[in-house]
Amino acid sequence: MNIKDIINKKNNNVIITGEEIDFVVNNYVSGRISDEEMTRFLKSVLNNGMTFEETYNLTITMLNSGNIMSFDEIEGILVDKHSTGGVGDKTSFVVLPLAASCGVKIVKMSGRGLGFTGGTVDKLESIEGFKTELDYTDLIKQVNDINIVMISQSNNLVPADKKIYALRDVTNTTESIPLIASSIMSKKLASGSDKIVLDVKVGKGAFMKNLGEARELAKTMVDIGNKFGKETIAILTNMDYPLGYTIGNSIEVIEALDTLDNKGEERFTKLCLALASYMVSLGKNESMDKAVKEVEDAYYNRKGLKKFKNLISYQGGNINNIDVPNNSIKIYSNMDGYITDIDTMKLALLCNNLGAGRKNKGDQINHKVGIRLNKIINDFVNQGELLMQVYTEDSIDELEYVNCITIGERKIEEPKIIYEVIE
């Protein structure tokens, strides 16, 4: 068995076996297969795809490359939530406390961000004192006490994916559904939860630009989870526009707190309530109608807010000391009209340029910088009215930010929040 023959098989659309996938992944991780050889293999997958069986075998091989978590000491069903990533995606800070306040058990392991803003862990670290690493005993006690923990991913969790993803990132092999599905699901399966809710983003600010691609990715991941014995559902959600008002790190945490305090942007709030309801339905084996009522009660009675504050306190954080921005540059509208489009990805890249994200793995995150929108899709704006605030100590090209917003004479059709659910 050798890497050249396996690449030739894949290039000729011949199905490769689980043993051959094991050979490629394990020998790459151990250094016996070079970056150059692995790049050729990844490009053959990108160009020729994989069958479901091949994708499942790749997922299992990566899963078995490191530790597989088990939380037998936690009472009840553990439910995990994963988002494929979006602009202003602070949903975990709203969804997970809401679900936990309804009695769902959650061990949320997250990574650090590489891109336009930080990851979930980076955002949590904008809270003074918040510990993103806990020993196993403290983790178990916390979940049994308050139903929820949010921590950084273990270094020994799916090390094959870490090495392969780093190579994909620099070789233009990221946009492959089998590679994306196996990367995400190997981590989810290793994280020890019993059931999984996937928030698959679709649109201009997401990896999946259209519903067809998103549906294929979602179905692949759901089938992987279910075949592994973990009940999995995927919700396809709109990522044409930023989620809520903020893009950044600390300002996203603050917006999440505002949302849990019933002061959130309407569309973002509806999305969070829906995702939390799916988690509750899975975690408590109950109908969606009943789960929706429980989540709405938790939201309107601020049980989710109390739970998030509880989580922060348990993990050593000081909610009264979040890295809030110091200075902002105000961006004003140059005309009257309705907001008909927002260049979501351009805003994300501008936010990254401010220092909210990492361009390279070792870069430091600036928690305080970011963008707060004052107007969102279909809002009316007058000439000279505030469009957004840019939180930075540096000078910026204000016209770049103005040009991210399209203003028209009439509203567009109200965008959907959720497209469909795949089970």
Protein backbone atom coordinates (compact mmCIF):
# COMPACT_ATOMS: atom_id res chain seq x y z
CA MET A 1 0.00 0.00 0.00
CA ASN A 2 1.41 3.44 -0.90
CA ILE A 3 0.14 7.02 -1.15
CA LYS A 4 0.77 7.30 -4.90
CA ASP A 5 -1.49 4.34 -5.73
CA ILE A 6 -4.23 5.64 -3.41
CA ILE A 7 -4.14 9.09 -5.05
CA ASN A 8 -4.31 7.47 -8.50
CA LYS A 9 -7.38 5.47 -7.41
CA LYS A 10 -9.10 8.60 -6.18
CA ASN A 11 -8.17 10.51 -9.35
CA ASN A 12 -9.75 7.71 -11.37
CA ASN A 13 -12.91 7.75 -9.22
CA VAL A 14 -12.19 4.33 -7.75
CA ILE A 15 -13.56 4.00 -4.20
CA ILE A 16 -10.80 3.83 -1.60
CA THR A 17 -11.16 1.53 1.38
CA GLY A 18 -11.21 2.30 5.09
CA GLU A 19 -7.78 0.65 5.39
CA GLU A 20 -6.39 2.93 2.68
CA ILE A 21 -7.84 6.00 4.40
CA ASP A 22 -6.30 4.82 7.70
CA PHE A 23 -2.96 4.45 5.90
CA VAL A 24 -3.06 7.99 4.49
CA VAL A 25 -4.19 9.79 7.66
CA ASN A 26 -2.07 7.86 10.16
CA ASN A 27 1.08 8.08 8.08
CA TYR A 28 0.57 11.80 7.50
CA VAL A 29 0.12 12.45 11.22
CA SER A 30 3.27 10.43 12.02
CA GLY A 31 5.28 12.27 9.34
CA ARG A 32 5.81 9.35 6.97
CA ILE A 33 3.68 11.07 4.33
CA SER A 34 4.86 14.57 3.36
CA ASP A 35 2.80 17.77 3.12
CA GLU A 36 3.27 17.66 -0.65
CA GLU A 37 1.90 14.11 -0.91
CA MET A 38 -1.00 14.89 1.43
CA THR A 39 -1.83 17.99 -0.59
CA ARG A 40 -2.14 15.86 -3.72
CA PHE A 41 -4.47 13.50 -1.85
CA LEU A 42 -6.63 16.40 -0.57
CA LYS A 43 -6.83 17.91 -4.06
CA SER A 44 -7.92 14.55 -5.46
CA VAL A 45 -10.73 14.52 -2.88
CA LEU A 46 -11.62 18.13 -3.67
CA ASN A 47 -11.79 17.40 -7.41
CA ASN A 48 -13.41 13.96 -7.31
CA GLY A 49 -15.42 13.93 -4.10
CA MET A 50 -16.05 10.96 -1.82
CA THR A 51 -18.86 8.50 -1.39
CA PHE A 52 -20.69 8.61 1.94
CA GLU A 53 -18.88 5.42 3.02
CA GLU A 54 -15.50 7.01 2.25
CA THR A 55 -16.46 10.18 4.13
CA TYR A 56 -17.65 8.15 7.13
CA ASN A 57 -14.42 6.13 7.15
CA LEU A 58 -12.36 9.33 7.00
CA THR A 59 -14.36 10.71 9.94
CA ILE A 60 -13.79 7.57 12.03
CA THR A 61 -10.07 7.50 11.22
CA MET A 62 -9.67 11.11 12.36
CA LEU A 63 -11.85 10.47 15.42
CA ASN A 64 -9.59 7.57 16.45
CA SER A 65 -6.41 9.66 16.11
CA GLY A 66 -6.85 11.08 19.63
CA ASN A 67 -8.85 10.95 22.82
CA ILE A 68 -12.58 10.26 22.73
CA MET A 69 -14.30 11.93 25.65
CA SER A 70 -16.71 10.07 27.91
CA PHE A 71 -18.80 11.68 30.64
CA ASP A 72 -20.49 8.74 32.32
CA GLU A 73 -20.59 10.62 35.64
CA ILE A 74 -22.92 13.25 34.20
CA GLU A 75 -26.56 12.44 34.84
CA GLY A 76 -28.84 12.76 31.81
CA ILE A 77 -28.53 13.21 28.06
CA LEU A 78 -25.66 15.42 26.86
CA VAL A 79 -26.49 17.61 23.86
CA ASP A 80 -23.92 19.48 21.76
CA LYS A 81 -24.47 22.37 19.34
CA HIS A 82 -22.17 23.30 16.49
CA SER A 83 -22.29 26.19 14.03
CA THR A 84 -20.46 26.06 10.72
CA GLY A 85 -19.50 29.68 11.35
CA GLY A 86 -20.93 33.06 10.54
CA VAL A 87 -20.43 36.79 10.84
CA GLY A 88 -21.37 38.02 14.32
CA ASP A 89 -22.07 34.44 15.44
CA LYS A 90 -22.59 34.74 19.18
CA THR A 91 -25.49 32.26 19.20
CA SER A 92 -23.81 29.83 21.63
CA PHE A 93 -23.88 32.46 24.38
CA VAL A 94 -27.66 32.71 24.05
CA VAL A 95 -28.72 29.24 22.93
CA LEU A 96 -26.72 27.15 25.39
CA PRO A 97 -27.73 29.00 28.59
CA LEU A 98 -31.38 28.91 27.46
CA ALA A 99 -31.23 25.15 26.85
CA ALA A 100 -29.35 24.56 30.11
CA SER A 101 -31.92 26.59 32.05
CA CYS A 102 -34.54 24.16 30.70
CA GLY A 103 -32.64 21.19 32.14
CA VAL A 104 -30.45 20.14 29.18
CA LYS A 105 -26.91 18.96 30.01
CA ILE A 106 -24.20 20.62 27.89
CA VAL A 107 -20.43 20.21 27.62
CA LYS A 108 -19.44 22.75 24.97
CA MET A 109 -15.88 22.43 23.69
CA SER A 110 -14.82 25.17 21.28
CA GLY A 111 -11.74 26.16 19.38
CA ARG A 112 -10.01 29.45 18.79
CA GLY A 113 -10.84 31.48 15.74
CA LEU A 114 -8.82 31.80 12.55
CA GLY A 115 -10.54 34.37 10.40
CA PHE A 116 -12.60 37.51 10.72
CA THR A 117 -13.27 37.31 14.48
CA GLY A 118 -12.22 35.14 17.37
CA GLY A 119 -13.78 31.81 18.17
CA THR A 120 -16.10 31.11 21.08
CA VAL A 121 -13.16 30.64 23.44
CA ASP A 122 -11.55 33.95 22.37
CA LYS A 123 -14.82 35.77 23.01
CA LEU A 124 -15.20 34.21 26.46
CA GLU A 125 -11.68 35.35 27.31
CA SER A 126 -12.79 38.97 26.90
CA ILE A 127 -14.45 38.39 30.31
CA GLU A 128 -11.92 39.07 33.07
CA GLY A 129 -10.83 35.88 34.84
CA PHE A 130 -12.90 33.45 32.75
CA LYS A 131 -11.21 30.03 32.78
CA THR A 132 -11.52 28.14 29.51
CA GLU A 133 -9.67 25.10 30.87
CA LEU A 134 -11.03 22.95 33.70
CA ASP A 135 -9.85 19.67 35.13
CA TYR A 136 -12.15 16.69 34.66
CA THR A 137 -13.46 16.62 38.24
CA ASP A 138 -14.43 20.31 38.19
CA LEU A 139 -16.05 19.88 34.77
CA ILE A 140 -18.24 17.00 35.96
CA LYS A 141 -19.23 18.82 39.14
CA GLN A 142 -20.14 21.99 37.25
CA VAL A 143 -22.36 20.21 34.73
CA ASN A 144 -24.10 18.25 37.48
CA ASP A 145 -24.55 21.51 39.44
CA ILE A 146 -25.69 23.95 36.73
CA ASN A 147 -26.09 21.78 33.58
CA ILE A 148 -23.47 23.61 31.47
CA VAL A 149 -19.77 24.15 30.90
CA MET A 150 -18.00 26.01 28.07
CA ILE A 151 -14.32 25.20 27.64
CA SER A 152 -11.52 25.07 25.09
CA GLN A 153 -10.93 21.93 23.09
CA SER A 154 -8.41 19.43 24.42
CA ASN A 155 -5.14 19.30 22.48
CA ASN A 156 -5.56 15.54 22.22
CA LEU A 157 -9.00 15.82 20.61
CA VAL A 158 -8.76 14.70 16.97
CA PRO A 159 -5.10 15.70 16.37
CA ALA A 160 -5.32 14.35 12.80
CA ASP A 161 -7.93 16.98 11.97
CA LYS A 162 -5.77 19.76 13.41
CA LYS A 163 -2.85 18.82 11.18
CA ILE A 164 -4.96 18.18 8.08
CA TYR A 165 -7.02 21.35 8.56
CA ALA A 166 -3.86 23.47 8.85
CA LEU A 167 -2.70 22.04 5.53
CA ARG A 168 -6.11 22.52 3.89
CA ASP A 169 -6.06 26.16 4.97
CA VAL A 170 -2.87 26.93 3.02
CA THR A 171 -3.51 24.69 -0.02
CA ASN A 172 -6.98 25.91 -1.10
CA THR A 173 -8.60 22.60 -0.25
CA THR A 174 -11.06 23.87 2.36
CA GLU A 175 -14.18 23.91 0.17
CA SER A 176 -14.79 20.18 -0.05
CA ILE A 177 -17.97 18.81 1.51
CA PRO A 178 -16.44 15.43 2.50
CA LEU A 179 -13.46 17.19 4.09
CA ILE A 180 -15.67 19.75 5.90
CA ALA A 181 -18.12 17.08 7.11
CA SER A 182 -15.43 14.73 8.39
CA SER A 183 -13.58 17.61 10.09
CA ILE A 184 -16.65 18.84 11.94
CA MET A 185 -18.13 15.46 12.81
CA SER A 186 -14.87 13.88 14.01
CA LYS A 187 -14.65 16.66 16.63
CA LYS A 188 -18.33 16.41 17.56
CA LEU A 189 -18.16 12.62 17.95
CA ALA A 190 -14.99 12.93 20.05
CA SER A 191 -16.58 15.47 22.39
CA GLY A 192 -18.65 12.91 24.29
CA SER A 193 -22.18 14.19 23.76
CA ASP A 194 -25.13 11.88 23.15
CA LYS A 195 -27.01 14.07 20.65
CA ILE A 196 -25.96 16.85 18.28
CA VAL A 197 -27.65 19.96 16.87
CA LEU A 198 -25.90 21.45 13.82
CA ASP A 199 -26.46 25.06 12.76
CA VAL A 200 -25.46 25.03 9.09
CA LYS A 201 -25.05 28.58 7.81
CA VAL A 202 -26.05 29.43 4.23
CA GLY A 203 -25.34 32.61 2.29
CA LYS A 204 -22.92 35.40 1.52
CA GLY A 205 -21.31 35.33 4.96
CA ALA A 206 -20.93 31.52 5.14
CA PHE A 207 -18.73 28.78 3.67
CA MET A 208 -21.83 27.34 1.97
CA LYS A 209 -23.09 30.02 -0.42
CA ASN A 210 -26.23 28.25 -1.65
CA LEU A 211 -28.91 25.96 -0.32
CA GLY A 212 -27.89 23.00 -2.48
CA GLU A 213 -24.35 22.89 -1.06
CA ALA A 214 -25.58 23.51 2.49
CA ARG A 215 -28.19 20.78 2.19
CA GLU A 216 -25.59 18.28 0.96
CA LEU A 217 -23.21 19.16 3.80
CA ALA A 218 -25.99 18.99 6.40
CA LYS A 219 -27.29 15.65 5.17
CA THR A 220 -23.78 14.17 5.14
CA MET A 221 -23.12 15.28 8.73
CA VAL A 222 -26.52 14.11 9.97
CA ASP A 223 -26.00 10.70 8.35
CA ILE A 224 -22.51 10.41 9.91
CA GLY A 225 -23.84 11.25 13.37
CA ASN A 226 -26.78 8.89 13.12
CA LYS A 227 -24.64 6.04 11.74
CA PHE A 228 -22.31 6.50 14.72
CA GLY A 229 -25.32 6.18 17.05
CA LYS A 230 -25.60 9.88 17.96
CA GLU A 231 -29.00 11.35 17.12
CA THR A 232 -28.17 14.37 14.95
CA ILE A 233 -30.23 17.10 13.33
CA ALA A 234 -29.18 20.05 11.17
CA ILE A 235 -30.90 23.41 10.82
CA LEU A 236 -30.08 25.41 7.68
CA THR A 237 -30.01 29.09 8.68
CA ASN A 238 -29.61 32.38 6.80
CA MET A 239 -26.11 33.92 6.80
CA ASP A 240 -26.64 36.56 4.12
CA TYR A 241 -26.55 39.24 6.83
CA PRO A 242 -24.67 39.64 10.13
CA LEU A 243 -26.22 37.92 13.15
CA GLY A 244 -27.56 40.67 15.38
CA TYR A 245 -25.94 44.08 15.60
CA THR A 246 -22.31 43.30 16.49
CA ILE A 247 -19.20 41.80 14.93
CA GLY A 248 -16.19 41.39 17.21
CA ASN A 249 -15.40 39.72 20.50
CA SER A 250 -16.31 41.53 23.71
CA ILE A 251 -19.14 43.43 21.99
CA GLU A 252 -20.65 40.11 20.90
CA VAL A 253 -20.61 38.84 24.49
CA ILE A 254 -22.32 42.05 25.61
CA GLU A 255 -24.94 41.70 22.87
CA ALA A 256 -25.58 38.10 23.95
CA LEU A 257 -26.22 39.31 27.50
CA ASP A 258 -28.58 41.99 26.15
CA THR A 259 -30.40 39.35 24.10
CA LEU A 260 -30.88 37.12 27.14
CA ASP A 261 -32.21 40.23 28.91
CA ASN A 262 -34.97 40.52 26.24
CA LYS A 263 -33.22 43.43 24.48
CA GLY A 264 -31.87 41.62 21.44
CA GLU A 265 -32.31 42.18 17.72
CA GLU A 266 -35.53 40.43 16.67
CA ARG A 267 -34.28 38.09 13.94
CA PHE A 268 -31.24 37.00 15.96
CA THR A 269 -33.45 36.35 18.99
CA LYS A 270 -35.86 34.22 16.94
CA LEU A 271 -32.94 32.15 15.62
CA CYS A 272 -31.60 31.55 19.14
CA LEU A 273 -35.01 30.55 20.49
CA ALA A 274 -35.43 28.06 17.64
CA LEU A 275 -31.99 26.47 18.09
CA ALA A 276 -32.46 26.21 21.85
CA SER A 277 -35.84 24.55 21.29
CA TYR A 278 -34.27 21.85 19.11
CA MET A 279 -31.67 21.21 21.83
CA VAL A 280 -34.38 20.91 24.49
CA SER A 281 -36.50 18.62 22.33
CA LEU A 282 -33.54 16.29 21.78
CA GLY A 283 -32.17 16.53 25.30
CA LYS A 284 -35.47 15.84 27.04
CA ASN A 285 -37.02 13.52 24.43
CA GLU A 286 -40.07 15.74 24.12
CA SER A 287 -42.11 17.30 21.32
CA MET A 288 -40.97 20.52 19.66
CA ASP A 289 -44.19 22.24 20.75
CA LYS A 290 -43.42 21.53 24.40
CA ALA A 291 -39.75 22.48 23.97
CA VAL A 292 -40.68 25.80 22.34
CA LYS A 293 -42.92 26.71 25.30
CA GLU A 294 -40.17 25.84 27.80
CA VAL A 295 -37.56 27.89 25.94
CA GLU A 296 -39.87 30.89 25.57
CA ASP A 297 -40.60 30.75 29.31
CA ALA A 298 -36.85 30.61 30.04
CA TYR A 299 -36.27 33.56 27.73
CA TYR A 300 -39.06 35.87 28.86
CA ASN A 301 -38.42 35.13 32.54
CA ARG A 302 -34.67 35.67 32.01
CA LYS A 303 -33.74 32.18 33.22
CA GLY A 304 -31.22 31.97 30.39
CA LEU A 305 -29.61 35.23 31.51
CA LYS A 306 -29.34 33.92 35.05
CA LYS A 307 -27.79 30.68 33.74
CA PHE A 308 -25.18 32.51 31.64
CA LYS A 309 -24.21 34.64 34.63
CA ASN A 310 -24.04 31.46 36.71
CA LEU A 311 -21.74 29.88 34.13
CA ILE A 312 -19.43 32.91 34.08
CA SER A 313 -19.23 32.92 37.88
CA TYR A 314 -18.53 29.18 38.10
CA GLN A 315 -15.64 29.53 35.66
CA GLY A 316 -14.03 32.44 37.50
CA GLY A 317 -15.23 35.25 35.28
CA ASN A 318 -16.18 38.75 36.38
CA ILE A 319 -19.24 39.76 34.39
CA ASN A 320 -18.79 43.37 35.53
CA ASN A 321 -15.40 43.53 33.84
CA ILE A 322 -15.63 42.75 30.14
CA ASP A 323 -13.11 44.23 27.70
CA VAL A 324 -15.46 46.95 26.46
CA PRO A 325 -14.28 49.17 23.60
CA ASN A 326 -12.80 52.57 24.46
CA ASN A 327 -13.23 54.64 21.32
CA SER A 328 -15.48 54.45 18.30
CA ILE A 329 -15.61 56.08 14.88
CA LYS A 330 -19.15 56.89 13.79
CA ILE A 331 -20.16 56.10 10.22
CA TYR A 332 -23.13 58.08 8.81
CA SER A 333 -25.46 57.49 5.87
CA ASN A 334 -24.97 59.59 2.74
CA MET A 335 -28.60 59.20 1.58
CA ASP A 336 -32.18 58.44 2.61
CA GLY A 337 -33.76 55.04 2.05
CA TYR A 338 -34.12 51.45 3.19
CA ILE A 339 -31.20 49.12 3.91
CA THR A 340 -31.57 46.61 1.05
CA ASP A 341 -28.22 44.80 1.31
CA ILE A 342 -25.24 44.45 3.61
CA ASP A 343 -21.88 43.22 2.31
CA THR A 344 -21.51 40.80 5.19
CA MET A 345 -18.19 39.27 4.20
CA LYS A 346 -16.62 42.68 3.49
CA LEU A 347 -17.63 43.84 6.98
CA ALA A 348 -16.14 40.64 8.39
CA LEU A 349 -12.83 41.24 6.61
CA LEU A 350 -12.76 44.87 7.77
CA CYS A 351 -13.34 43.63 11.32
CA ASN A 352 -10.44 41.22 10.92
CA ASN A 353 -8.25 44.09 9.75
CA LEU A 354 -9.09 45.92 12.96
CA GLY A 355 -7.55 43.00 14.91
CA ALA A 356 -10.72 41.14 15.93
CA GLY A 357 -9.51 37.96 14.23
CA ARG A 358 -6.33 36.11 13.33
CA LYS A 359 -4.67 36.10 9.94
CA ASN A 360 -2.10 33.59 11.22
CA LYS A 361 -2.50 30.97 13.93
CA GLY A 362 -0.21 32.69 16.45
CA ASP A 363 -1.74 36.18 16.16
CA GLN A 364 -3.10 37.89 19.26
CA ILE A 365 -6.78 38.81 19.35
CA ASN A 366 -7.81 42.36 20.21
CA HIS A 367 -10.98 41.79 22.24
CA LYS A 368 -12.05 45.45 22.23
CA VAL A 369 -12.24 46.19 18.50
CA GLY A 370 -15.29 45.51 16.39
CA ILE A 371 -18.29 46.88 14.54
CA ARG A 372 -21.74 47.71 15.89
CA LEU A 373 -24.46 48.18 13.29
CA ASN A 374 -27.05 50.81 14.07
CA LYS A 375 -29.23 49.81 11.12
CA ILE A 376 -29.93 46.36 9.69
CA ILE A 377 -31.75 44.95 6.67
CA ASN A 378 -35.05 46.72 5.80
CA ASP A 379 -34.50 49.52 8.34
CA PHE A 380 -35.09 53.06 7.08
CA VAL A 381 -32.18 55.48 7.38
CA ASN A 382 -32.04 59.24 6.85
CA GLN A 383 -29.11 61.02 5.25
CA GLY A 384 -26.69 61.92 8.02
CA GLU A 385 -28.10 59.27 10.38
CA LEU A 386 -25.77 56.84 12.19
CA LEU A 387 -25.19 53.60 10.22
CA MET A 388 -22.61 51.95 12.44
CA GLN A 389 -19.84 52.47 14.98
CA VAL A 390 -16.35 51.11 14.40
CA TYR A 391 -14.47 50.41 17.63
CA THR A 392 -10.77 50.97 17.08
CA GLU A 393 -7.86 53.12 18.19
CA ASP A 394 -6.59 53.32 14.61
CA SER A 395 -7.61 55.45 11.64
CA ILE A 396 -9.87 53.83 9.03
CA ASP A 397 -11.16 54.52 5.53
CA GLU A 398 -14.74 55.45 6.43
CA LEU A 399 -15.92 55.14 2.82
CA GLU A 400 -15.06 51.42 2.88
CA TYR A 401 -17.59 50.96 5.66
CA VAL A 402 -20.25 53.16 4.03
CA ASN A 403 -19.91 51.11 0.85
CA CYS A 404 -20.78 47.92 2.73
CA ILE A 405 -24.37 49.14 3.01
CA THR A 406 -26.75 49.33 0.03
CA ILE A 407 -29.67 51.76 0.35
CA GLY A 408 -32.74 51.61 -1.88
CA GLU A 409 -36.16 53.19 -2.26
CA ARG A 410 -38.17 50.27 -0.90
CA LYS A 411 -37.80 47.28 1.41
CA ILE A 412 -36.77 43.88 0.10
CA GLU A 413 -38.72 40.70 0.82
CA GLU A 414 -38.20 39.84 4.50
CA PRO A 415 -35.30 37.36 4.64
CA LYS A 416 -35.95 33.91 6.05
CA ILE A 417 -34.29 33.02 9.34
CA ILE A 418 -34.44 29.23 8.96
CA TYR A 419 -34.61 27.53 5.57
CA GLU A 420 -35.18 23.91 6.56
CA VAL A 421 -34.42 21.17 9.07
CA ILE A 422 -32.70 17.90 8.15
CA GLU A 423 -33.07 14.90 10.44
